[in-house]
Amino acid sequence: MQKVEEWTEAAIKPLGMGLKSSEQLNGCETFSLIRFATTGNPVWFKAVGEPNLHEYAISQALARLFPSYVPAILATKPEWHAWLMADGGGPSLNEMTSVRAWHLP
């Protein structure tokens, strides 16, 4: 976790942000999803392993091809199959009180 925090801190420092706290939302030996609170907007760290290695390349392609529809990728760490992305903005589904929020438009 210390290496992830150090890498994340180095990636967001040029953006004028610093780390405040972290919350691991999901993880196992082949997958990790961590939300970092920063002095600016939150950022998300994601790393994948087998059998989901393809998600690394797919996420980068989607961010490149459809930047208006997916959060920006701020940094990548190929040797970890990891990337850091901007927060999508808005409230999380957990913060929504309406069941309709869980449905696609």
C-alpha atoms as a PDB file:
ATOM      1  CA  MET A   1       0.000   0.000   0.000  1.00  0.00           C
ATOM      2  CA  GLN A   2       2.891   2.351   0.731  1.00  0.00           C
ATOM      3  CA  LYS A   3       4.199   1.966  -2.837  1.00  0.00           C
ATOM      4  CA  VAL A   4       0.730   2.670  -4.243  1.00  0.00           C
ATOM      5  CA  GLU A   5       0.380   5.779  -2.083  1.00  0.00           C
ATOM      6  CA  GLU A   6       3.844   7.029  -3.066  1.00  0.00           C
ATOM      7  CA  TRP A   7       3.143   6.485  -6.760  1.00  0.00           C
ATOM      8  CA  THR A   8      -0.266   8.158  -6.493  1.00  0.00           C
ATOM      9  CA  GLU A   9       1.177  11.118  -4.601  1.00  0.00           C
ATOM     10  CA  ALA A  10       3.843  11.597  -7.289  1.00  0.00           C
ATOM     11  CA  ALA A  11       1.207  11.380 -10.058  1.00  0.00           C
ATOM     12  CA  ILE A  12      -1.148  13.972  -8.560  1.00  0.00           C
ATOM     13  CA  LYS A  13       1.425  16.430  -7.217  1.00  0.00           C
ATOM     14  CA  PRO A  14       1.898  18.105 -10.647  1.00  0.00           C
ATOM     15  CA  LEU A  15      -1.893  18.578 -10.712  1.00  0.00           C
ATOM     16  CA  GLY A  16      -1.674  20.619  -7.515  1.00  0.00           C
ATOM     17  CA  MET A  17      -3.156  17.911  -5.300  1.00  0.00           C
ATOM     18  CA  GLY A  18      -1.977  15.951  -2.293  1.00  0.00           C
ATOM     19  CA  LEU A  19      -3.270  12.772  -0.655  1.00  0.00           C
ATOM     20  CA  LYS A  20      -5.541  12.966   2.368  1.00  0.00           C
ATOM     21  CA  SER A  21      -6.898   9.449   2.905  1.00  0.00           C
ATOM     22  CA  SER A  22      -7.704   6.194   1.135  1.00  0.00           C
ATOM     23  CA  GLU A  23     -10.464   3.617   1.112  1.00  0.00           C
ATOM     24  CA  GLN A  24     -10.058   0.228  -0.541  1.00  0.00           C
ATOM     25  CA  LEU A  25     -13.431  -0.620  -2.021  1.00  0.00           C
ATOM     26  CA  ASN A  26     -12.542  -3.981  -3.466  1.00  0.00           C
ATOM     27  CA  GLY A  27      -9.489  -6.131  -3.660  1.00  0.00           C
ATOM     28  CA  CYS A  28      -7.943  -9.564  -3.721  1.00  0.00           C
ATOM     29  CA  GLU A  29      -4.711 -11.050  -5.010  1.00  0.00           C
ATOM     30  CA  THR A  30      -5.654 -10.202  -8.636  1.00  0.00           C
ATOM     31  CA  PHE A  31      -7.652  -6.974  -8.331  1.00  0.00           C
ATOM     32  CA  SER A  32      -7.591  -3.711  -6.412  1.00  0.00           C
ATOM     33  CA  LEU A  33      -9.828  -0.640  -6.400  1.00  0.00           C
ATOM     34  CA  ILE A  34      -8.883   2.217  -4.083  1.00  0.00           C
ATOM     35  CA  ARG A  35     -10.473   5.647  -3.754  1.00  0.00           C
ATOM     36  CA  PHE A  36      -8.079   8.364  -2.640  1.00  0.00           C
ATOM     37  CA  ALA A  37      -9.401  11.550  -1.103  1.00  0.00           C
ATOM     38  CA  THR A  38      -7.135  14.417  -2.097  1.00  0.00           C
ATOM     39  CA  THR A  39      -6.823  18.120  -1.456  1.00  0.00           C
ATOM     40  CA  GLY A  40      -8.755  18.446  -4.751  1.00  0.00           C
ATOM     41  CA  ASN A  41     -11.143  15.974  -6.332  1.00  0.00           C
ATOM     42  CA  PRO A  42     -10.932  12.267  -5.460  1.00  0.00           C
ATOM     43  CA  VAL A  43      -8.867   9.926  -7.641  1.00  0.00           C
ATOM     44  CA  TRP A  44      -9.224   6.191  -8.173  1.00  0.00           C
ATOM     45  CA  PHE A  45      -6.454   3.597  -8.341  1.00  0.00           C
ATOM     46  CA  LYS A  46      -7.216   0.347 -10.090  1.00  0.00           C
ATOM     47  CA  ALA A  47      -4.932  -2.625 -10.744  1.00  0.00           C
ATOM     48  CA  VAL A  48      -5.832  -5.917 -12.399  1.00  0.00           C
ATOM     49  CA  GLY A  49      -4.280  -9.336 -12.828  1.00  0.00           C
ATOM     50  CA  GLU A  50      -5.338 -12.616 -14.412  1.00  0.00           C
ATOM     51  CA  PRO A  51      -7.990 -13.257 -15.592  1.00  0.00           C
ATOM     52  CA  ASN A  52      -8.768  -9.541 -16.099  1.00  0.00           C
ATOM     53  CA  LEU A  53      -5.548  -8.219 -17.643  1.00  0.00           C
ATOM     54  CA  HIS A  54      -7.498  -7.122 -20.715  1.00  0.00           C
ATOM     55  CA  GLU A  55      -9.258  -4.486 -18.582  1.00  0.00           C
ATOM     56  CA  TYR A  56      -5.999  -2.495 -18.392  1.00  0.00           C
ATOM     57  CA  ALA A  57      -5.823  -1.933 -22.164  1.00  0.00           C
ATOM     58  CA  ILE A  58      -9.588  -1.561 -22.565  1.00  0.00           C
ATOM     59  CA  SER A  59      -9.781   1.181 -19.922  1.00  0.00           C
ATOM     60  CA  GLN A  60      -6.996   3.136 -21.613  1.00  0.00           C
ATOM     61  CA  ALA A  61      -8.622   2.763 -25.033  1.00  0.00           C
ATOM     62  CA  LEU A  62     -12.021   3.926 -23.749  1.00  0.00           C
ATOM     63  CA  ALA A  63     -10.468   6.976 -22.089  1.00  0.00           C
ATOM     64  CA  ARG A  64      -8.618   7.835 -25.298  1.00  0.00           C
ATOM     65  CA  LEU A  65     -11.546   7.218 -27.679  1.00  0.00           C
ATOM     66  CA  PHE A  66     -14.414   8.555 -25.553  1.00  0.00           C
ATOM     67  CA  PRO A  67     -12.963  11.226 -23.238  1.00  0.00           C
ATOM     68  CA  SER A  68     -16.360  12.882 -22.785  1.00  0.00           C
ATOM     69  CA  TYR A  69     -17.901   9.679 -21.432  1.00  0.00           C
ATOM     70  CA  VAL A  70     -15.337   8.144 -19.087  1.00  0.00           C
ATOM     71  CA  PRO A  71     -13.091   9.576 -16.364  1.00  0.00           C
ATOM     72  CA  ALA A  72      -9.662  10.766 -17.484  1.00  0.00           C
ATOM     73  CA  ILE A  73      -6.707   8.476 -16.862  1.00  0.00           C
ATOM     74  CA  LEU A  74      -4.144  10.515 -14.955  1.00  0.00           C
ATOM     75  CA  ALA A  75      -1.285   7.988 -14.873  1.00  0.00           C
ATOM     76  CA  THR A  76      -0.505   4.368 -15.661  1.00  0.00           C
ATOM     77  CA  LYS A  77       1.868   1.832 -14.136  1.00  0.00           C
ATOM     78  CA  PRO A  78       2.247  -0.924 -16.786  1.00  0.00           C
ATOM     79  CA  GLU A  79       4.299  -3.274 -14.605  1.00  0.00           C
ATOM     80  CA  TRP A  80       1.426  -3.337 -12.091  1.00  0.00           C
ATOM     81  CA  HIS A  81      -1.308  -3.308 -14.780  1.00  0.00           C
ATOM     82  CA  ALA A  82      -2.554  -0.290 -12.865  1.00  0.00           C
ATOM     83  CA  TRP A  83      -3.950   3.113 -13.631  1.00  0.00           C
ATOM     84  CA  LEU A  84      -5.039   6.208 -11.775  1.00  0.00           C
ATOM     85  CA  MET A  85      -8.179   7.947 -12.932  1.00  0.00           C
ATOM     86  CA  ALA A  86     -10.056  11.094 -12.131  1.00  0.00           C
ATOM     87  CA  ASP A  87     -13.316  10.864 -10.248  1.00  0.00           C
ATOM     88  CA  GLY A  88     -16.407  10.838 -12.466  1.00  0.00           C
ATOM     89  CA  GLY A  89     -18.055  13.543 -10.375  1.00  0.00           C
ATOM     90  CA  GLY A  90     -21.471  13.630  -8.827  1.00  0.00           C
ATOM     91  CA  PRO A  91     -22.809  11.572  -5.939  1.00  0.00           C
ATOM     92  CA  SER A  92     -22.068   7.869  -5.571  1.00  0.00           C
ATOM     93  CA  LEU A  93     -24.896   5.366  -5.938  1.00  0.00           C
ATOM     94  CA  ASN A  94     -24.656   4.744  -2.185  1.00  0.00           C
ATOM     95  CA  GLU A  95     -25.545   8.400  -1.621  1.00  0.00           C
ATOM     96  CA  MET A  96     -28.644   8.260  -3.815  1.00  0.00           C
ATOM     97  CA  THR A  97     -32.023   7.763  -2.166  1.00  0.00           C
ATOM     98  CA  SER A  98     -33.969   6.903  -5.316  1.00  0.00           C
ATOM     99  CA  VAL A  99     -33.946   3.382  -6.749  1.00  0.00           C
ATOM    100  CA  ARG A 100     -34.170   5.000 -10.200  1.00  0.00           C
ATOM    101  CA  ALA A 101     -30.525   6.068  -9.847  1.00  0.00           C
ATOM    102  CA  TRP A 102     -29.539   2.427 -10.342  1.00  0.00           C
ATOM    103  CA  HIS A 103     -31.264   2.238 -13.755  1.00  0.00           C
ATOM    104  CA  LEU A 104     -29.711   3.223 -17.045  1.00  0.00           C
ATOM    105  CA  PRO A 105     -31.331   6.220 -18.777  1.00  0.00           C
END
